[in-house]
């Protein structure tokens, strides 16, 4: 609502594909806002995207986040900004995970 009310072209979001935790650190199960709905809600205001990754399958796709679906939502809303890469997994080294994240991102964005 803040961004809608300010309504200024220089104000936007740097949206993270996986930060939809609603707080309550000691609550089980964790409370999370639906990731897809979150991206739908934030897409019109997104100027940059943090592409988070945790792990990959044998085809090189991220296994916990549907990049293709989320990128399609962002692009349909007019997103043409920058992407940053963030590997948070522990199976690959930081460099290997970052490279895998880059390749998965490029694959999902291929038209």
PDB file of N, CA and C in Angstrom:
ATOM      1  N   UNK A   1       0.820  -1.188   0.000  1.00  0.00           N
ATOM      2  CA  UNK A   1       0.000   0.000   0.000  1.00  0.00           C
ATOM      3  C   UNK A   1       0.863   1.251   0.000  1.00  0.00           C
ATOM      4  N   UNK A   2       2.011   1.186   0.665  1.00  0.00           N
ATOM      5  CA  UNK A   2       2.901   2.340   0.700  1.00  0.00           C
ATOM      6  C   UNK A   2       3.335   2.729  -0.710  1.00  0.00           C
ATOM      7  N   UNK A   3       3.775   1.765  -1.487  1.00  0.00           N
ATOM      8  CA  UNK A   3       4.250   2.061  -2.848  1.00  0.00           C
ATOM      9  C   UNK A   3       3.098   2.576  -3.706  1.00  0.00           C
ATOM     10  N   UNK A   4       1.931   1.988  -3.553  1.00  0.00           N
ATOM     11  CA  UNK A   4       0.781   2.459  -4.320  1.00  0.00           C
ATOM     12  C   UNK A   4       0.431   3.901  -3.953  1.00  0.00           C
ATOM     13  N   UNK A   5       0.490   4.233  -2.679  1.00  0.00           N
ATOM     14  CA  UNK A   5       0.128   5.584  -2.239  1.00  0.00           C
ATOM     15  C   UNK A   5       1.177   6.623  -2.611  1.00  0.00           C
ATOM     16  N   UNK A   6       2.451   6.242  -2.566  1.00  0.00           N
ATOM     17  CA  UNK A   6       3.510   7.174  -2.967  1.00  0.00           C
ATOM     18  C   UNK A   6       3.437   7.413  -4.468  1.00  0.00           C
ATOM     19  N   UNK A   7       3.233   6.335  -5.228  1.00  0.00           N
ATOM     20  CA  UNK A   7       3.036   6.427  -6.672  1.00  0.00           C
ATOM     21  C   UNK A   7       4.087   7.299  -7.359  1.00  0.00           C
ATOM     22  N   UNK A   8       5.350   6.924  -7.190  1.00  0.00           N
ATOM     23  CA  UNK A   8       6.450   7.662  -7.798  1.00  0.00           C
ATOM     24  C   UNK A   8       7.298   6.703  -8.626  1.00  0.00           C
ATOM     25  N   UNK A   9       7.691   7.104  -9.848  1.00  0.00           N
ATOM     26  CA  UNK A   9       8.439   6.193 -10.726  1.00  0.00           C
ATOM     27  C   UNK A   9       9.815   5.784 -10.176  1.00  0.00           C
ATOM     28  N   UNK A  10      10.351   6.539  -9.246  1.00  0.00           N
ATOM     29  CA  UNK A  10      11.658   6.188  -8.676  1.00  0.00           C
ATOM     30  C   UNK A  10      11.553   5.239  -7.485  1.00  0.00           C
ATOM     31  N   UNK A  11      10.371   4.875  -7.096  1.00  0.00           N
ATOM     32  CA  UNK A  11      10.182   3.969  -5.967  1.00  0.00           C
ATOM     33  C   UNK A  11       9.784   2.600  -6.490  1.00  0.00           C
ATOM     34  N   UNK A  12      10.512   1.576  -6.079  1.00  0.00           N
ATOM     35  CA  UNK A  12      10.196   0.219  -6.498  1.00  0.00           C
ATOM     36  C   UNK A  12      10.774  -0.777  -5.521  1.00  0.00           C
ATOM     37  N   UNK A  13      10.671  -2.031  -5.860  1.00  0.00           N
ATOM     38  CA  UNK A  13      11.101  -3.105  -4.984  1.00  0.00           C
ATOM     39  C   UNK A  13      12.242  -3.914  -5.580  1.00  0.00           C
ATOM     40  N   UNK A  14      13.051  -4.467  -4.698  1.00  0.00           N
ATOM     41  CA  UNK A  14      14.025  -5.484  -5.053  1.00  0.00           C
ATOM     42  C   UNK A  14      13.452  -6.769  -4.462  1.00  0.00           C
ATOM     43  N   UNK A  15      12.744  -7.521  -5.291  1.00  0.00           N
ATOM     44  CA  UNK A  15      11.966  -8.658  -4.846  1.00  0.00           C
ATOM     45  C   UNK A  15      12.823  -9.917  -4.755  1.00  0.00           C
ATOM     46  N   UNK A  16      12.696 -10.614  -3.649  1.00  0.00           N
ATOM     47  CA  UNK A  16      13.398 -11.873  -3.424  1.00  0.00           C
ATOM     48  C   UNK A  16      12.434 -13.007  -3.723  1.00  0.00           C
ATOM     49  N   UNK A  17      12.863 -13.983  -4.506  1.00  0.00           N
ATOM     50  CA  UNK A  17      11.969 -15.074  -4.876  1.00  0.00           C
ATOM     51  C   UNK A  17      11.621 -16.005  -3.719  1.00  0.00           C
ATOM     52  N   UNK A  18      12.289 -15.846  -2.583  1.00  0.00           N
ATOM     53  CA  UNK A  18      12.032 -16.802  -1.505  1.00  0.00           C
ATOM     54  C   UNK A  18      11.926 -16.171  -0.122  1.00  0.00           C
ATOM     55  N   UNK A  19      11.680 -14.896  -0.004  1.00  0.00           N
ATOM     56  CA  UNK A  19      11.548 -14.288   1.322  1.00  0.00           C
ATOM     57  C   UNK A  19      10.103 -13.920   1.600  1.00  0.00           C
ATOM     58  N   UNK A  20       9.312 -14.929   1.936  1.00  0.00           N
ATOM     59  CA  UNK A  20       7.914 -14.699   2.255  1.00  0.00           C
ATOM     60  C   UNK A  20       7.562 -15.272   3.625  1.00  0.00           C
ATOM     61  N   UNK A  21       8.544 -15.270   4.519  1.00  0.00           N
ATOM     62  CA  UNK A  21       8.367 -15.711   5.897  1.00  0.00           C
ATOM     63  C   UNK A  21       7.589 -14.634   6.641  1.00  0.00           C
ATOM     64  N   UNK A  22       6.577 -15.023   7.382  1.00  0.00           N
ATOM     65  CA  UNK A  22       5.711 -14.064   8.063  1.00  0.00           C
ATOM     66  C   UNK A  22       6.066 -13.853   9.526  1.00  0.00           C
ATOM     67  N   UNK A  23       7.226 -14.316   9.934  1.00  0.00           N
ATOM     68  CA  UNK A  23       7.634 -14.111  11.313  1.00  0.00           C
ATOM     69  C   UNK A  23       7.160 -15.221  12.227  1.00  0.00           C
ATOM     70  N   UNK A  24       7.428 -15.031  13.501  1.00  0.00           N
ATOM     71  CA  UNK A  24       7.087 -16.067  14.466  1.00  0.00           C
ATOM     72  C   UNK A  24       8.137 -17.156  14.462  1.00  0.00           C
ATOM     73  N   UNK A  25       9.341 -16.794  14.839  1.00  0.00           N
ATOM     74  CA  UNK A  25      10.489 -17.690  14.728  1.00  0.00           C
ATOM     75  C   UNK A  25      10.296 -19.023  15.427  1.00  0.00           C
ATOM     76  N   UNK A  26       9.502 -19.054  16.493  1.00  0.00           N
ATOM     77  CA  UNK A  26       9.337 -20.288  17.262  1.00  0.00           C
ATOM     78  C   UNK A  26       8.005 -20.973  16.995  1.00  0.00           C
ATOM     79  N   UNK A  27       7.352 -20.615  15.915  1.00  0.00           N
ATOM     80  CA  UNK A  27       6.062 -21.205  15.580  1.00  0.00           C
ATOM     81  C   UNK A  27       6.276 -22.354  14.593  1.00  0.00           C
ATOM     82  N   UNK A  28       5.648 -23.498  14.887  1.00  0.00           N
ATOM     83  CA  UNK A  28       5.719 -24.638  13.981  1.00  0.00           C
ATOM     84  C   UNK A  28       4.296 -25.010  13.607  1.00  0.00           C
ATOM     85  N   UNK A  29       3.982 -25.175  12.329  1.00  0.00           N
ATOM     86  CA  UNK A  29       4.884 -24.963  11.195  1.00  0.00           C
ATOM     87  C   UNK A  29       5.117 -23.479  10.942  1.00  0.00           C
ATOM     88  N   UNK A  30       6.174 -23.205  10.187  1.00  0.00           N
ATOM     89  CA  UNK A  30       6.483 -21.806   9.855  1.00  0.00           C
ATOM     90  C   UNK A  30       5.294 -21.170   9.142  1.00  0.00           C
ATOM     91  N   UNK A  31       5.128 -19.889   9.369  1.00  0.00           N
ATOM     92  CA  UNK A  31       4.086 -19.136   8.681  1.00  0.00           C
ATOM     93  C   UNK A  31       4.723 -18.458   7.469  1.00  0.00           C
ATOM     94  N   UNK A  32       4.220 -18.798   6.299  1.00  0.00           N
ATOM     95  CA  UNK A  32       4.746 -18.226   5.060  1.00  0.00           C
ATOM     96  C   UNK A  32       3.594 -17.754   4.183  1.00  0.00           C
ATOM     97  N   UNK A  33       3.829 -16.634   3.528  1.00  0.00           N
ATOM     98  CA  UNK A  33       2.898 -16.137   2.520  1.00  0.00           C
ATOM     99  C   UNK A  33       3.159 -16.945   1.258  1.00  0.00           C
ATOM    100  N   UNK A  34       2.136 -17.289   0.516  1.00  0.00           N
ATOM    101  CA  UNK A  34       2.304 -18.069  -0.695  1.00  0.00           C
ATOM    102  C   UNK A  34       3.246 -17.350  -1.666  1.00  0.00           C
ATOM    103  N   UNK A  35       4.312 -18.038  -2.055  1.00  0.00           N
ATOM    104  CA  UNK A  35       5.351 -17.432  -2.898  1.00  0.00           C
ATOM    105  C   UNK A  35       4.787 -16.916  -4.218  1.00  0.00           C
ATOM    106  N   UNK A  36       3.992 -17.727  -4.901  1.00  0.00           N
ATOM    107  CA  UNK A  36       3.445 -17.301  -6.190  1.00  0.00           C
ATOM    108  C   UNK A  36       2.560 -16.074  -6.022  1.00  0.00           C
ATOM    109  N   UNK A  37       1.701 -16.090  -5.021  1.00  0.00           N
ATOM    110  CA  UNK A  37       0.841 -14.933  -4.778  1.00  0.00           C
ATOM    111  C   UNK A  37       1.683 -13.711  -4.419  1.00  0.00           C
ATOM    112  N   UNK A  38       2.740 -13.918  -3.659  1.00  0.00           N
ATOM    113  CA  UNK A  38       3.632 -12.815  -3.314  1.00  0.00           C
ATOM    114  C   UNK A  38       4.257 -12.170  -4.538  1.00  0.00           C
ATOM    115  N   UNK A  39       4.705 -12.996  -5.473  1.00  0.00           N
ATOM    116  CA  UNK A  39       5.302 -12.456  -6.700  1.00  0.00           C
ATOM    117  C   UNK A  39       4.242 -11.736  -7.523  1.00  0.00           C
ATOM    118  N   UNK A  40       3.039 -12.292  -7.596  1.00  0.00           N
ATOM    119  CA  UNK A  40       1.944 -11.610  -8.301  1.00  0.00           C
ATOM    120  C   UNK A  40       1.696 -10.243  -7.675  1.00  0.00           C
ATOM    121  N   UNK A  41       1.662 -10.192  -6.344  1.00  0.00           N
ATOM    122  CA  UNK A  41       1.396  -8.943  -5.638  1.00  0.00           C
ATOM    123  C   UNK A  41       2.500  -7.911  -5.841  1.00  0.00           C
ATOM    124  N   UNK A  42       3.752  -8.365  -5.858  1.00  0.00           N
ATOM    125  CA  UNK A  42       4.895  -7.445  -5.919  1.00  0.00           C
ATOM    126  C   UNK A  42       5.372  -7.123  -7.339  1.00  0.00           C
ATOM    127  N   UNK A  43       5.009  -7.956  -8.293  1.00  0.00           N
ATOM    128  CA  UNK A  43       5.529  -7.811  -9.658  1.00  0.00           C
ATOM    129  C   UNK A  43       5.378  -6.409 -10.256  1.00  0.00           C
ATOM    130  N   UNK A  44       4.249  -5.753 -10.112  1.00  0.00           N
ATOM    131  CA  UNK A  44       4.122  -4.428 -10.737  1.00  0.00           C
ATOM    132  C   UNK A  44       5.101  -3.386 -10.196  1.00  0.00           C
ATOM    133  N   UNK A  45       5.663  -3.635  -9.027  1.00  0.00           N
ATOM    134  CA  UNK A  45       6.547  -2.668  -8.377  1.00  0.00           C
ATOM    135  C   UNK A  45       8.007  -3.128  -8.369  1.00  0.00           C
ATOM    136  N   UNK A  46       8.280  -4.273  -8.964  1.00  0.00           N
ATOM    137  CA  UNK A  46       9.615  -4.871  -8.909  1.00  0.00           C
ATOM    138  C   UNK A  46      10.545  -4.240  -9.933  1.00  0.00           C
ATOM    139  N   UNK A  47      11.694  -3.775  -9.440  1.00  0.00           N
ATOM    140  CA  UNK A  47      12.720  -3.182 -10.302  1.00  0.00           C
ATOM    141  C   UNK A  47      13.957  -4.076 -10.391  1.00  0.00           C
ATOM    142  N   UNK A  48      14.101  -4.984  -9.436  1.00  0.00           N
ATOM    143  CA  UNK A  48      15.206  -5.939  -9.411  1.00  0.00           C
ATOM    144  C   UNK A  48      14.751  -7.205  -8.711  1.00  0.00           C
ATOM    145  N   UNK A  49      15.398  -8.330  -9.035  1.00  0.00           N
ATOM    146  CA  UNK A  49      15.001  -9.617  -8.473  1.00  0.00           C
ATOM    147  C   UNK A  49      16.212 -10.338  -7.912  1.00  0.00           C
ATOM    148  N   UNK A  50      16.083 -10.820  -6.678  1.00  0.00           N
ATOM    149  CA  UNK A  50      17.081 -11.707  -6.099  1.00  0.00           C
ATOM    150  C   UNK A  50      16.640 -13.129  -6.390  1.00  0.00           C
ATOM    151  N   UNK A  51      17.387 -13.789  -7.265  1.00  0.00           N
ATOM    152  CA  UNK A  51      17.076 -15.163  -7.647  1.00  0.00           C
ATOM    153  C   UNK A  51      17.779 -16.083  -6.657  1.00  0.00           C
ATOM    154  N   UNK A  52      16.999 -16.631  -5.756  1.00  0.00           N
ATOM    155  CA  UNK A  52      17.537 -17.492  -4.708  1.00  0.00           C
ATOM    156  C   UNK A  52      17.508 -18.939  -5.176  1.00  0.00           C
ATOM    157  N   UNK A  53      18.497 -19.723  -4.730  1.00  0.00           N
ATOM    158  CA  UNK A  53      18.540 -21.149  -5.045  1.00  0.00           C
ATOM    159  C   UNK A  53      18.983 -21.928  -3.822  1.00  0.00           C
ATOM    160  N   UNK A  54      18.439 -23.144  -3.706  1.00  0.00           N
ATOM    161  CA  UNK A  54      18.780 -24.027  -2.595  1.00  0.00           C
ATOM    162  C   UNK A  54      19.409 -25.324  -3.089  1.00  0.00           C
ATOM    163  N   UNK A  55      18.854 -25.891  -4.173  1.00  0.00           N
ATOM    164  CA  UNK A  55      19.388 -27.130  -4.725  1.00  0.00           C
ATOM    165  C   UNK A  55      18.840 -27.318  -6.135  1.00  0.00           C
ATOM    166  N   UNK A  56      19.453 -28.249  -6.867  1.00  0.00           N
ATOM    167  CA  UNK A  56      19.117 -28.454  -8.270  1.00  0.00           C
ATOM    168  C   UNK A  56      18.928 -29.935  -8.559  1.00  0.00           C
ATOM    169  N   UNK A  57      18.053 -30.237  -9.537  1.00  0.00           N
ATOM    170  CA  UNK A  57      17.888 -31.620  -9.961  1.00  0.00           C
ATOM    171  C   UNK A  57      18.881 -31.932 -11.080  1.00  0.00           C
ATOM    172  N   UNK A  58      18.794 -33.144 -11.618  1.00  0.00           N
ATOM    173  CA  UNK A  58      19.742 -33.575 -12.649  1.00  0.00           C
ATOM    174  C   UNK A  58      19.626 -32.766 -13.944  1.00  0.00           C
ATOM    175  N   UNK A  59      18.468 -32.133 -14.156  1.00  0.00           N
ATOM    176  CA  UNK A  59      18.278 -31.300 -15.354  1.00  0.00           C
ATOM    177  C   UNK A  59      18.755 -29.873 -15.137  1.00  0.00           C
ATOM    178  N   UNK A  60      19.220 -29.556 -13.939  1.00  0.00           N
ATOM    179  CA  UNK A  60      19.716 -28.217 -13.645  1.00  0.00           C
ATOM    180  C   UNK A  60      18.662 -27.236 -13.175  1.00  0.00           C
ATOM    181  N   UNK A  61      17.452 -27.720 -12.905  1.00  0.00           N
ATOM    182  CA  UNK A  61      16.380 -26.847 -12.429  1.00  0.00           C
ATOM    183  C   UNK A  61      16.418 -26.754 -10.905  1.00  0.00           C
ATOM    184  N   UNK A  62      16.119 -25.583 -10.382  1.00  0.00           N
ATOM    185  CA  UNK A  62      16.024 -25.407  -8.937  1.00  0.00           C
ATOM    186  C   UNK A  62      14.840 -26.240  -8.450  1.00  0.00           C
ATOM    187  N   UNK A  63      15.008 -26.990  -7.367  1.00  0.00           N
ATOM    188  CA  UNK A  63      13.988 -27.951  -6.948  1.00  0.00           C
ATOM    189  C   UNK A  63      12.930 -27.375  -6.004  1.00  0.00           C
ATOM    190  N   UNK A  64      13.166 -26.216  -5.404  1.00  0.00           N
ATOM    191  CA  UNK A  64      12.196 -25.673  -4.453  1.00  0.00           C
ATOM    192  C   UNK A  64      11.445 -24.455  -4.981  1.00  0.00           C
ATOM    193  N   UNK A  65      11.918 -23.864  -6.070  1.00  0.00           N
ATOM    194  CA  UNK A  65      11.325 -22.638  -6.608  1.00  0.00           C
ATOM    195  C   UNK A  65      11.101 -22.815  -8.108  1.00  0.00           C
ATOM    196  N   UNK A  66       9.893 -22.556  -8.572  1.00  0.00           N
ATOM    197  CA  UNK A  66       9.584 -22.671  -9.990  1.00  0.00           C
ATOM    198  C   UNK A  66       9.966 -21.367 -10.691  1.00  0.00           C
ATOM    199  N   UNK A  67      11.230 -21.282 -11.111  1.00  0.00           N
ATOM    200  CA  UNK A  67      11.732 -20.066 -11.753  1.00  0.00           C
ATOM    201  C   UNK A  67      10.876 -19.668 -12.952  1.00  0.00           C
ATOM    202  N   UNK A  68      10.571 -20.608 -13.822  1.00  0.00           N
ATOM    203  CA  UNK A  68       9.838 -20.292 -15.046  1.00  0.00           C
ATOM    204  C   UNK A  68       8.516 -19.606 -14.722  1.00  0.00           C
ATOM    205  N   UNK A  69       7.762 -20.176 -13.792  1.00  0.00           N
ATOM    206  CA  UNK A  69       6.477 -19.590 -13.407  1.00  0.00           C
ATOM    207  C   UNK A  69       6.646 -18.184 -12.852  1.00  0.00           C
ATOM    208  N   UNK A  70       7.587 -18.011 -11.930  1.00  0.00           N
ATOM    209  CA  UNK A  70       7.760 -16.708 -11.288  1.00  0.00           C
ATOM    210  C   UNK A  70       8.312 -15.663 -12.255  1.00  0.00           C
ATOM    211  N   UNK A  71       9.250 -16.055 -13.116  1.00  0.00           N
ATOM    212  CA  UNK A  71       9.775 -15.113 -14.119  1.00  0.00           C
ATOM    213  C   UNK A  71       8.681 -14.717 -15.096  1.00  0.00           C
ATOM    214  N   UNK A  72       7.845 -15.672 -15.501  1.00  0.00           N
ATOM    215  CA  UNK A  72       6.738 -15.349 -16.410  1.00  0.00           C
ATOM    216  C   UNK A  72       5.796 -14.321 -15.785  1.00  0.00           C
ATOM    217  N   UNK A  73       5.505 -14.476 -14.498  1.00  0.00           N
ATOM    218  CA  UNK A  73       4.641 -13.514 -13.796  1.00  0.00           C
ATOM    219  C   UNK A  73       5.284 -12.127 -13.811  1.00  0.00           C
ATOM    220  N   UNK A  74       6.574 -12.066 -13.490  1.00  0.00           N
ATOM    221  CA  UNK A  74       7.278 -10.782 -13.456  1.00  0.00           C
ATOM    222  C   UNK A  74       7.303 -10.122 -14.829  1.00  0.00           C
ATOM    223  N   UNK A  75       7.641 -10.894 -15.852  1.00  0.00           N
ATOM    224  CA  UNK A  75       7.743 -10.336 -17.206  1.00  0.00           C
ATOM    225  C   UNK A  75       6.378  -9.881 -17.711  1.00  0.00           C
ATOM    226  N   UNK A  76       5.339 -10.659 -17.412  1.00  0.00           N
ATOM    227  CA  UNK A  76       3.985 -10.264 -17.822  1.00  0.00           C
ATOM    228  C   UNK A  76       3.574  -8.950 -17.178  1.00  0.00           C
ATOM    229  N   UNK A  77       4.088  -8.686 -15.973  1.00  0.00           N
ATOM    230  CA  UNK A  77       3.780  -7.430 -15.277  1.00  0.00           C
ATOM    231  C   UNK A  77       4.654  -6.275 -15.762  1.00  0.00           C
ATOM    232  N   UNK A  78       5.563  -6.561 -16.705  1.00  0.00           N
ATOM    233  CA  UNK A  78       6.380  -5.497 -17.276  1.00  0.00           C
ATOM    234  C   UNK A  78       7.797  -5.419 -16.738  1.00  0.00           C
ATOM    235  N   UNK A  79       8.208  -6.393 -15.930  1.00  0.00           N
ATOM    236  CA  UNK A  79       9.563  -6.360 -15.370  1.00  0.00           C
ATOM    237  C   UNK A  79      10.603  -6.468 -16.466  1.00  0.00           C
ATOM    238  N   UNK A  80      11.572  -5.548 -16.430  1.00  0.00           N
ATOM    239  CA  UNK A  80      12.713  -5.611 -17.352  1.00  0.00           C
ATOM    240  C   UNK A  80      13.984  -5.155 -16.641  1.00  0.00           C
ATOM    241  N   UNK A  81      14.028  -5.398 -15.347  1.00  0.00           N
ATOM    242  CA  UNK A  81      15.146  -4.939 -14.529  1.00  0.00           C
ATOM    243  C   UNK A  81      16.272  -5.941 -14.432  1.00  0.00           C
ATOM    244  N   UNK A  82      16.985  -5.853 -13.338  1.00  0.00           N
ATOM    245  CA  UNK A  82      18.188  -6.650 -13.106  1.00  0.00           C
ATOM    246  C   UNK A  82      17.885  -7.846 -12.217  1.00  0.00           C
ATOM    247  N   UNK A  83      18.691  -8.878 -12.406  1.00  0.00           N
ATOM    248  CA  UNK A  83      18.622 -10.082 -11.589  1.00  0.00           C
ATOM    249  C   UNK A  83      19.928 -10.210 -10.804  1.00  0.00           C
ATOM    250  N   UNK A  84      19.833 -10.598  -9.558  1.00  0.00           N
ATOM    251  CA  UNK A  84      21.018 -10.961  -8.793  1.00  0.00           C
ATOM    252  C   UNK A  84      20.861 -12.433  -8.419  1.00  0.00           C
ATOM    253  N   UNK A  85      21.965 -13.100  -8.172  1.00  0.00           N
ATOM    254  CA  UNK A  85      21.938 -14.529  -7.891  1.00  0.00           C
ATOM    255  C   UNK A  85      22.383 -14.788  -6.470  1.00  0.00           C
ATOM    256  N   UNK A  86      21.686 -15.728  -5.818  1.00  0.00           N
ATOM    257  CA  UNK A  86      21.991 -16.015  -4.426  1.00  0.00           C
ATOM    258  C   UNK A  86      21.833 -17.512  -4.189  1.00  0.00           C
ATOM    259  N   UNK A  87      22.936 -18.220  -3.967  1.00  0.00           N
ATOM    260  CA  UNK A  87      22.887 -19.645  -3.667  1.00  0.00           C
ATOM    261  C   UNK A  87      22.954 -19.839  -2.167  1.00  0.00           C
ATOM    262  N   UNK A  88      21.931 -20.488  -1.596  1.00  0.00           N
ATOM    263  CA  UNK A  88      21.876 -20.720  -0.160  1.00  0.00           C
ATOM    264  C   UNK A  88      21.981 -22.193   0.198  1.00  0.00           C
ATOM    265  N   UNK A  89      22.239 -23.027  -0.781  1.00  0.00           N
ATOM    266  CA  UNK A  89      22.322 -24.455  -0.520  1.00  0.00           C
ATOM    267  C   UNK A  89      23.633 -24.836   0.142  1.00  0.00           C
ATOM    268  N   UNK A  90      23.746 -26.123   0.461  1.00  0.00           N
ATOM    269  CA  UNK A  90      24.984 -26.589   1.076  1.00  0.00           C
ATOM    270  C   UNK A  90      25.575 -27.803   0.372  1.00  0.00           C
ATOM    271  N   UNK A  91      24.903 -28.286  -0.678  1.00  0.00           N
ATOM    272  CA  UNK A  91      25.409 -29.442  -1.413  1.00  0.00           C
ATOM    273  C   UNK A  91      26.545 -29.051  -2.358  1.00  0.00           C
ATOM    274  N   UNK A  92      26.467 -27.864  -2.930  1.00  0.00           N
ATOM    275  CA  UNK A  92      27.490 -27.368  -3.853  1.00  0.00           C
ATOM    276  C   UNK A  92      28.319 -26.305  -3.159  1.00  0.00           C
ATOM    277  N   UNK A  93      29.501 -26.051  -3.712  1.00  0.00           N
ATOM    278  CA  UNK A  93      30.294 -24.936  -3.196  1.00  0.00           C
ATOM    279  C   UNK A  93      29.587 -23.633  -3.570  1.00  0.00           C
ATOM    280  N   UNK A  94      29.993 -22.548  -2.967  1.00  0.00           N
ATOM    281  CA  UNK A  94      29.378 -21.257  -3.274  1.00  0.00           C
ATOM    282  C   UNK A  94      29.512 -20.928  -4.763  1.00  0.00           C
ATOM    283  N   UNK A  95      30.703 -21.170  -5.323  1.00  0.00           N
ATOM    284  CA  UNK A  95      30.929 -20.897  -6.748  1.00  0.00           C
ATOM    285  C   UNK A  95      30.090 -21.828  -7.619  1.00  0.00           C
ATOM    286  N   UNK A  96      30.099 -23.123  -7.323  1.00  0.00           N
ATOM    287  CA  UNK A  96      29.315 -24.078  -8.115  1.00  0.00           C
ATOM    288  C   UNK A  96      27.821 -23.763  -8.024  1.00  0.00           C
ATOM    289  N   UNK A  97      27.360 -23.419  -6.829  1.00  0.00           N
ATOM    290  CA  UNK A  97      25.956 -23.081  -6.651  1.00  0.00           C
ATOM    291  C   UNK A  97      25.557 -21.817  -7.386  1.00  0.00           C
ATOM    292  N   UNK A  98      26.440 -20.845  -7.389  1.00  0.00           N
ATOM    293  CA  UNK A  98      26.164 -19.599  -8.110  1.00  0.00           C
ATOM    294  C   UNK A  98      26.114 -19.846  -9.613  1.00  0.00           C
ATOM    295  N   UNK A  99      27.033 -20.642 -10.110  1.00  0.00           N
ATOM    296  CA  UNK A  99      27.035 -20.981 -11.538  1.00  0.00           C
ATOM    297  C   UNK A  99      25.759 -21.756 -11.889  1.00  0.00           C
ATOM    298  N   UNK A 100      25.376 -22.713 -11.043  1.00  0.00           N
ATOM    299  CA  UNK A 100      24.152 -23.481 -11.282  1.00  0.00           C
ATOM    300  C   UNK A 100      22.925 -22.570 -11.254  1.00  0.00           C
ATOM    301  N   UNK A 101      22.918 -21.596 -10.359  1.00  0.00           N
ATOM    302  CA  UNK A 101      21.810 -20.641 -10.282  1.00  0.00           C
ATOM    303  C   UNK A 101      21.745 -19.805 -11.551  1.00  0.00           C
ATOM    304  N   UNK A 102      22.887 -19.379 -12.030  1.00  0.00           N
ATOM    305  CA  UNK A 102      22.941 -18.603 -13.278  1.00  0.00           C
ATOM    306  C   UNK A 102      22.404 -19.417 -14.451  1.00  0.00           C
ATOM    307  N   UNK A 103      22.837 -20.668 -14.559  1.00  0.00           N
ATOM    308  CA  UNK A 103      22.385 -21.517 -15.663  1.00  0.00           C
ATOM    309  C   UNK A 103      20.885 -21.796 -15.574  1.00  0.00           C
ATOM    310  N   UNK A 104      20.380 -22.057 -14.370  1.00  0.00           N
ATOM    311  CA  UNK A 104      18.945 -22.299 -14.192  1.00  0.00           C
ATOM    312  C   UNK A 104      18.136 -21.048 -14.524  1.00  0.00           C
ATOM    313  N   UNK A 105      18.656 -19.888 -14.160  1.00  0.00           N
ATOM    314  CA  UNK A 105      17.986 -18.631 -14.471  1.00  0.00           C
ATOM    315  C   UNK A 105      17.926 -18.419 -15.975  1.00  0.00           C
ATOM    316  N   UNK A 106      19.062 -18.593 -16.641  1.00  0.00           N
ATOM    317  CA  UNK A 106      19.104 -18.432 -18.100  1.00  0.00           C
ATOM    318  C   UNK A 106      18.160 -19.407 -18.799  1.00  0.00           C
ATOM    319  N   UNK A 107      18.115 -20.635 -18.315  1.00  0.00           N
ATOM    320  CA  UNK A 107      17.220 -21.647 -18.897  1.00  0.00           C
ATOM    321  C   UNK A 107      15.759 -21.236 -18.732  1.00  0.00           C
ATOM    322  N   UNK A 108      15.397 -20.773 -17.556  1.00  0.00           N
ATOM    323  CA  UNK A 108      14.012 -20.380 -17.298  1.00  0.00           C
ATOM    324  C   UNK A 108      13.603 -19.131 -18.082  1.00  0.00           C
ATOM    325  N   UNK A 109      14.586 -18.273 -18.376  1.00  0.00           N
ATOM    326  CA  UNK A 109      14.284 -17.038 -19.099  1.00  0.00           C
ATOM    327  C   UNK A 109      14.359 -17.204 -20.614  1.00  0.00           C
ATOM    328  N   UNK A 110      14.814 -18.365 -21.089  1.00  0.00           N
ATOM    329  CA  UNK A 110      14.927 -18.591 -22.532  1.00  0.00           C
ATOM    330  C   UNK A 110      13.544 -18.548 -23.165  1.00  0.00           C
ATOM    331  N   UNK A 111      13.447 -17.846 -24.247  1.00  0.00           N
ATOM    332  CA  UNK A 111      12.152 -17.698 -24.931  1.00  0.00           C
ATOM    333  C   UNK A 111      12.063 -18.669 -26.068  1.00  0.00           C
TER     334      UNK A 111
END
